[in-house]
Structures are given as structure tokens and as C-alpha cells.
């Protein structure tokens, strides 16, 4: 039995709207982006297969928002709170509608993960199809950076090709790290892969930045603590009360590390 038949038949048997549901299952099994109780936004969600998986994974305390220019038929007895937004993700009013949907239950919830399985209409010209897929992924990336809270995650489909490295570099600047994944459920002949970006960075600094800081406190491990626009930097080998020039060496969603520069 071919891979296509296996996942197609399995989807029919298990009630998923699309065989692509297994791609998200495999991505989440490997990366854990769909945490229980989380809020997930699915871009290009029709017909709803990824929404079904996301609802299962975030569970009854979680929320899933499906977004598409096409109408999405409502899920039957979903495991999570599910909202639907019909609109173009490049339009600000669609982003506003997503924010409203996330807060539909009266909570000012952060968005924990944005996922996108969007693909262009295929022309048969590989270079053109690749370029269009990168463009779509870039649009999804723009939405993700706008919606995600610090520490949030992003999953996006793209076709492999010459423009992939530039896209991956752009995504990596906004997240702690990015990896490529090729789920087993993807067809063997497909060039598709997924960029899985973890831990959205909203810090005012990035690794490699050099700046002058005031050391205002001492951490439990003895490192100095500096604040940059409210963001915490741990600086090794300095004392409280010093003003030093440092280089940022690593940035996490809620804190970073820096080393003092030699005079």
C-alpha cells in the first residue's frame, strides 16, 4: 500500500478531514508545539484537518482559531473551544478578527502557537511554485510575529529550494531556534518541508549586540543583573553598581546572557 493510500485511508477511518492531519500529529509528537490548554491559530485552515488535531492536543482548556479565505465547516464536537475567522491574512482586519476570536471567552489570552499548512496553486513550474510557497510562508511569518507572545511557537510549510535559506534566516532572528522537519505523512515525491520555530523572542536585544548597562542586582548564581527596557540580562564577572560595556551572548524569551567586554 502506498504512503498516500495509507494516510488517506487512515484519515477516512479516523474521521479526519484531510490526510495532512497526520503531518501535524507527527510534527507535534516530535516538537510539542501544541501544549495542553494552549491557544493555537491555524492559518489556511480549510478544510479543518489541522484544526481537528490542534483541538485534540490543546484539549478542553485550550482554544483553536481557524483562519481561511474559504468557509470552514464547523468541527463536530471538538475537544477545545474553536473559533472561525474568514478573511485574508494579509489584511489588518483579519488579524483584528483573530485577536477578537482568541479573546472570545472573555480572557486576554496570548497566542501560544501559529501553524500554517498553506500552499500556492501549483503551476507546474517548480521555481515559480517554490517562490510562491516562500512568499506564502513569509506572510504567515508576519502574522505569527504579530500575534505570538514571548515564548510562542511557529510551524509553516514551504517548498525546498534556493530561497529557503533566506526565509529560514529571517525566521531565526525572531525565535530562539528553528529546525526543518519532513513528516513521514508527506508524500515521498513532495518537496515540502516544515520550519518549526520555537520560543518567540520579544527581547529588545539579540545575540551579538554590544551595549552599556548598569548592573542593578546580583543573581542566585553570582552573576550581575542588568535591565534593558525591562528585559533581564545576566552578566558574568561583574558587581552590583558597576556600569559596563557588554556583548550579548544568548537570548531566551524572558532573559538573556552577556559578557563584559575587555577595556
Protein backbone atom coordinates (compact mmCIF):
# COMPACT_ATOMS: atom_id res chain seq x y z
CA UNK A 1 0.00 0.00 0.00
CA UNK A 2 1.45 3.40 -0.94
CA UNK A 3 2.05 6.14 1.62
CA UNK A 4 -0.69 8.17 0.01
CA UNK A 5 -3.23 5.38 0.37
CA UNK A 6 -2.17 4.63 3.94
CA UNK A 7 -2.76 8.14 5.25
CA UNK A 8 -5.77 8.81 3.06
CA UNK A 9 -7.49 5.65 4.27
CA UNK A 10 -6.47 6.26 7.86
CA UNK A 11 -7.95 9.75 7.72
CA UNK A 12 -11.23 8.38 6.43
CA UNK A 13 -11.33 5.70 9.11
CA UNK A 14 -10.46 8.03 11.97
CA UNK A 15 -12.67 10.92 10.92
CA UNK A 16 -10.06 13.48 9.87
CA UNK A 17 -10.98 15.86 7.10
CA UNK A 18 -7.61 15.60 5.36
CA UNK A 19 -4.65 13.23 5.32
CA UNK A 20 -2.49 16.24 6.24
CA UNK A 21 -3.78 15.87 9.81
CA UNK A 22 -1.06 13.25 10.31
CA UNK A 23 1.63 15.72 9.34
CA UNK A 24 0.68 17.96 12.25
CA UNK A 25 0.40 14.97 14.56
CA UNK A 26 3.95 13.92 13.65
CA UNK A 27 5.30 17.46 13.93
CA UNK A 28 3.74 17.86 17.37
CA UNK A 29 4.91 14.43 18.54
CA UNK A 30 8.47 15.50 17.70
CA UNK A 31 8.36 19.11 18.89
CA UNK A 32 5.49 19.54 21.37
CA UNK A 33 4.23 22.83 19.96
CA UNK A 34 0.58 22.11 20.83
CA UNK A 35 0.60 22.26 24.61
CA UNK A 36 -2.44 21.30 26.67
CA UNK A 37 -4.52 24.36 27.48
CA UNK A 38 -2.77 26.45 24.84
CA UNK A 39 -4.13 28.78 22.18
CA UNK A 40 -3.39 27.81 18.56
CA UNK A 41 -4.04 29.79 15.39
CA UNK A 42 -4.26 27.76 12.16
CA UNK A 43 -3.68 29.81 9.00
CA UNK A 44 -5.20 28.49 5.77
CA UNK A 45 -7.18 26.07 7.90
CA UNK A 46 -9.77 24.76 5.41
CA UNK A 47 -10.99 22.06 5.31
CA UNK A 48 -10.11 21.72 9.01
CA UNK A 49 -7.87 18.67 9.40
CA UNK A 50 -5.17 20.57 11.27
CA UNK A 51 -7.82 22.23 13.43
CA UNK A 52 -9.07 18.79 14.47
CA UNK A 53 -5.58 17.75 15.58
CA UNK A 54 -4.92 21.06 17.31
CA UNK A 55 -8.22 20.80 19.23
CA UNK A 56 -7.32 17.28 20.37
CA UNK A 57 -3.89 18.36 21.54
CA UNK A 58 -4.77 21.60 23.38
CA UNK A 59 -7.80 19.95 25.00
CA UNK A 60 -10.84 21.36 26.79
CA UNK A 61 -8.94 24.25 28.39
CA UNK A 62 -7.44 25.31 25.06
CA UNK A 63 -8.58 27.39 22.11
CA UNK A 64 -8.13 26.87 18.37
CA UNK A 65 -8.76 29.63 15.83
CA UNK A 66 -9.06 28.56 12.19
CA UNK A 67 -8.43 31.21 9.53
CA UNK A 68 -9.11 30.92 5.81
CA UNK A 69 -10.50 32.90 2.90
CA UNK A 70 -12.84 29.96 2.33
CA UNK A 71 -15.63 28.97 4.65
CA UNK A 72 -14.63 26.28 7.16
CA UNK A 73 -17.39 23.88 8.09
CA UNK A 74 -17.71 23.74 11.87
CA UNK A 75 -15.99 20.84 13.60
CA UNK A 76 -18.23 18.20 15.12
CA UNK A 77 -17.88 18.02 18.93
CA UNK A 78 -14.37 19.49 19.10
CA UNK A 79 -12.25 18.82 22.17
CA UNK A 80 -11.38 22.52 22.60
CA UNK A 81 -13.01 25.90 22.20
CA UNK A 82 -12.97 26.54 18.44
CA UNK A 83 -13.40 29.86 16.63
CA UNK A 84 -13.56 30.57 12.89
CA UNK A 85 -12.26 33.60 11.02
CA UNK A 86 -12.94 34.08 7.32
CA UNK A 87 -10.54 36.52 5.72
CA UNK A 88 -7.23 37.27 4.04
CA UNK A 89 -4.29 37.03 6.45
CA UNK A 90 -2.55 39.97 4.74
CA UNK A 91 -5.35 42.32 5.83
CA UNK A 92 -5.22 44.04 9.21
CA UNK A 93 -8.94 43.46 9.76
CA UNK A 94 -8.32 39.72 9.60
CA UNK A 95 -5.62 39.99 12.28
CA UNK A 96 -8.05 42.05 14.38
CA UNK A 97 -10.69 39.34 13.93
CA UNK A 98 -8.16 36.70 15.07
CA UNK A 99 -7.42 38.72 18.21
CA UNK A 100 -11.14 39.03 18.90
CA UNK A 101 -11.61 35.29 18.39
CA UNK A 102 -8.76 34.47 20.77
CA UNK A 103 -10.44 36.59 23.43
CA UNK A 104 -13.95 35.36 22.66
CA UNK A 105 -14.24 33.61 26.02
CA UNK A 106 -13.51 36.84 27.89
CA UNK A 107 -9.83 36.04 28.55
CA UNK A 108 -6.98 38.17 27.31
CA UNK A 109 -5.17 35.06 26.10
CA UNK A 110 -1.78 35.11 24.44
CA UNK A 111 -1.37 33.11 21.24
CA UNK A 112 0.92 30.18 22.01
CA UNK A 113 1.42 28.75 18.52
CA UNK A 114 0.70 29.74 14.92
CA UNK A 115 0.62 26.92 12.36
CA UNK A 116 0.30 27.13 8.60
CA UNK A 117 -0.10 24.37 6.01
CA UNK A 118 -0.81 26.86 3.22
CA UNK A 119 0.43 26.07 -0.28
CA UNK A 120 0.17 28.01 -3.55
CA UNK A 121 -1.88 26.94 -6.52
CA UNK A 122 0.53 24.75 -8.44
CA UNK A 123 1.68 25.98 -11.85
CA UNK A 124 3.94 23.05 -12.76
CA UNK A 125 6.95 25.39 -12.90
CA UNK A 126 8.98 24.34 -9.87
CA UNK A 127 10.93 27.58 -9.44
CA UNK A 128 7.71 29.60 -9.59
CA UNK A 129 5.89 27.27 -7.20
CA UNK A 130 8.84 27.41 -4.78
CA UNK A 131 8.92 31.21 -4.90
CA UNK A 132 5.18 31.39 -4.28
CA UNK A 133 5.43 29.00 -1.33
CA UNK A 134 8.19 31.12 0.22
CA UNK A 135 6.01 34.20 -0.26
CA UNK A 136 3.08 32.50 1.47
CA UNK A 137 5.31 31.32 4.29
CA UNK A 138 6.59 34.86 4.67
CA UNK A 139 3.03 36.14 5.00
CA UNK A 140 2.34 33.53 7.69
CA UNK A 141 5.56 34.56 9.44
CA UNK A 142 4.41 38.19 9.50
CA UNK A 143 1.14 37.15 11.13
CA UNK A 144 2.97 34.93 13.63
CA UNK A 145 5.34 37.65 14.77
CA UNK A 146 2.38 40.00 15.17
CA UNK A 147 0.28 37.58 17.23
CA UNK A 148 2.68 35.43 19.25
CA UNK A 149 3.52 36.17 22.83
CA UNK A 150 7.07 35.79 24.13
CA UNK A 151 7.96 32.08 24.06
CA UNK A 152 5.37 31.21 21.41
CA UNK A 153 6.00 28.78 18.54
CA UNK A 154 5.51 28.80 14.77
CA UNK A 155 5.12 26.00 12.21
CA UNK A 156 4.97 26.73 8.48
CA UNK A 157 5.07 24.70 5.27
CA UNK A 158 7.41 25.68 2.45
CA UNK A 159 8.78 24.00 -0.66
CA UNK A 160 12.51 23.32 -0.63
CA UNK A 161 14.60 25.48 -2.94
CA UNK A 162 17.04 28.31 -3.36
CA UNK A 163 15.06 30.91 -1.38
CA UNK A 164 14.55 28.68 1.66
CA UNK A 165 17.77 29.67 3.43
CA UNK A 166 16.88 33.37 3.39
CA UNK A 167 13.41 32.66 4.78
CA UNK A 168 14.87 30.43 7.49
CA UNK A 169 17.36 33.14 8.44
CA UNK A 170 14.53 35.68 8.74
CA UNK A 171 12.52 33.35 10.98
CA UNK A 172 15.54 32.54 13.12
CA UNK A 173 16.04 36.20 14.01
CA UNK A 174 12.67 36.18 15.80
CA UNK A 175 12.86 32.81 17.59
CA UNK A 176 15.31 31.02 19.85
CA UNK A 177 15.88 28.36 17.23
CA UNK A 178 14.45 26.89 14.01
CA UNK A 179 14.61 23.36 12.62
CA UNK A 180 13.42 21.73 9.41
CA UNK A 181 11.05 18.77 9.60
CA UNK A 182 9.80 16.40 6.90
CA UNK A 183 6.91 14.38 8.37
CA UNK A 184 6.54 10.77 7.26
CA UNK A 185 2.98 11.64 6.21
CA UNK A 186 4.29 13.92 3.43
CA UNK A 187 4.21 12.22 0.07
CA UNK A 188 7.51 10.71 -1.00
CA UNK A 189 7.65 12.78 -4.17
CA UNK A 190 6.85 16.05 -2.39
CA UNK A 191 9.47 18.77 -1.88
CA UNK A 192 7.54 20.20 1.05
CA UNK A 193 9.10 20.62 4.46
CA UNK A 194 8.13 22.45 7.60
CA UNK A 195 10.02 25.09 9.51
CA UNK A 196 9.41 24.63 13.22
CA UNK A 197 10.41 27.76 15.15
CA UNK A 198 10.44 27.62 18.93
CA UNK A 199 10.30 30.29 21.62
CA UNK A 200 9.38 33.66 20.11
CA UNK A 201 11.85 36.36 21.14
CA UNK A 202 10.40 39.74 22.01
CA UNK A 203 13.51 40.97 23.81
CA UNK A 204 14.98 44.39 22.93
CA UNK A 205 18.40 42.76 22.38
CA UNK A 206 19.82 39.97 20.25
CA UNK A 207 22.92 37.82 20.46
CA UNK A 208 25.93 39.81 19.25
CA UNK A 209 24.59 43.20 20.36
CA UNK A 210 27.05 45.41 22.24
CA UNK A 211 25.76 47.95 24.73
CA UNK A 212 26.49 49.70 28.01
CA UNK A 213 24.46 48.54 31.01
CA UNK A 214 24.09 49.31 34.69
CA UNK A 215 24.37 46.30 36.98
CA UNK A 216 21.48 46.71 39.41
CA UNK A 217 21.39 43.41 41.29
CA UNK A 218 23.09 40.04 41.80
CA UNK A 219 21.57 36.71 40.74
CA UNK A 220 21.49 33.46 42.72
CA UNK A 221 24.48 32.14 40.75
CA UNK A 222 26.52 35.27 41.44
CA UNK A 223 26.07 36.88 38.02
CA UNK A 224 25.28 40.56 37.81
CA UNK A 225 21.78 41.54 36.70
CA UNK A 226 21.17 44.39 34.27
CA UNK A 227 17.86 45.60 32.82
CA UNK A 228 17.36 46.68 29.22
CA UNK A 229 13.87 48.13 28.71
CA UNK A 230 12.69 45.82 31.48
CA UNK A 231 14.41 42.76 29.98
CA UNK A 232 16.81 40.89 32.28
CA UNK A 233 20.42 40.32 31.27
CA UNK A 234 22.70 38.14 33.39
CA UNK A 235 26.27 39.43 33.14
CA UNK A 236 29.12 37.28 34.38
CA UNK A 237 32.07 38.61 36.38
CA UNK A 238 30.62 41.97 37.39
CA UNK A 239 29.42 43.51 40.62
CA UNK A 240 26.26 45.35 41.56
CA UNK A 241 26.66 49.08 41.00
CA UNK A 242 29.05 48.79 38.05
CA UNK A 243 28.42 50.30 34.63
CA UNK A 244 29.97 48.11 31.97
CA UNK A 245 30.03 47.57 28.23
CA UNK A 246 28.86 44.05 27.36
CA UNK A 247 28.23 41.77 24.42
CA UNK A 248 25.01 39.75 24.45
CA UNK A 249 25.87 36.05 24.02
CA UNK A 250 22.47 34.33 24.25
CA UNK A 251 18.84 35.40 24.36
CA UNK A 252 15.92 33.42 25.74
CA UNK A 253 12.28 34.52 25.66
CA UNK A 254 12.39 36.09 29.13
CA UNK A 255 16.07 36.66 29.90
CA UNK A 256 19.49 36.72 28.27
CA UNK A 257 23.19 36.40 28.98
CA UNK A 258 26.06 38.79 28.32
CA UNK A 259 29.79 39.00 28.85
CA UNK A 260 31.71 42.17 29.77
CA UNK A 261 33.96 43.46 27.02
CA UNK A 262 37.64 43.96 27.66
CA UNK A 263 38.67 47.56 28.07
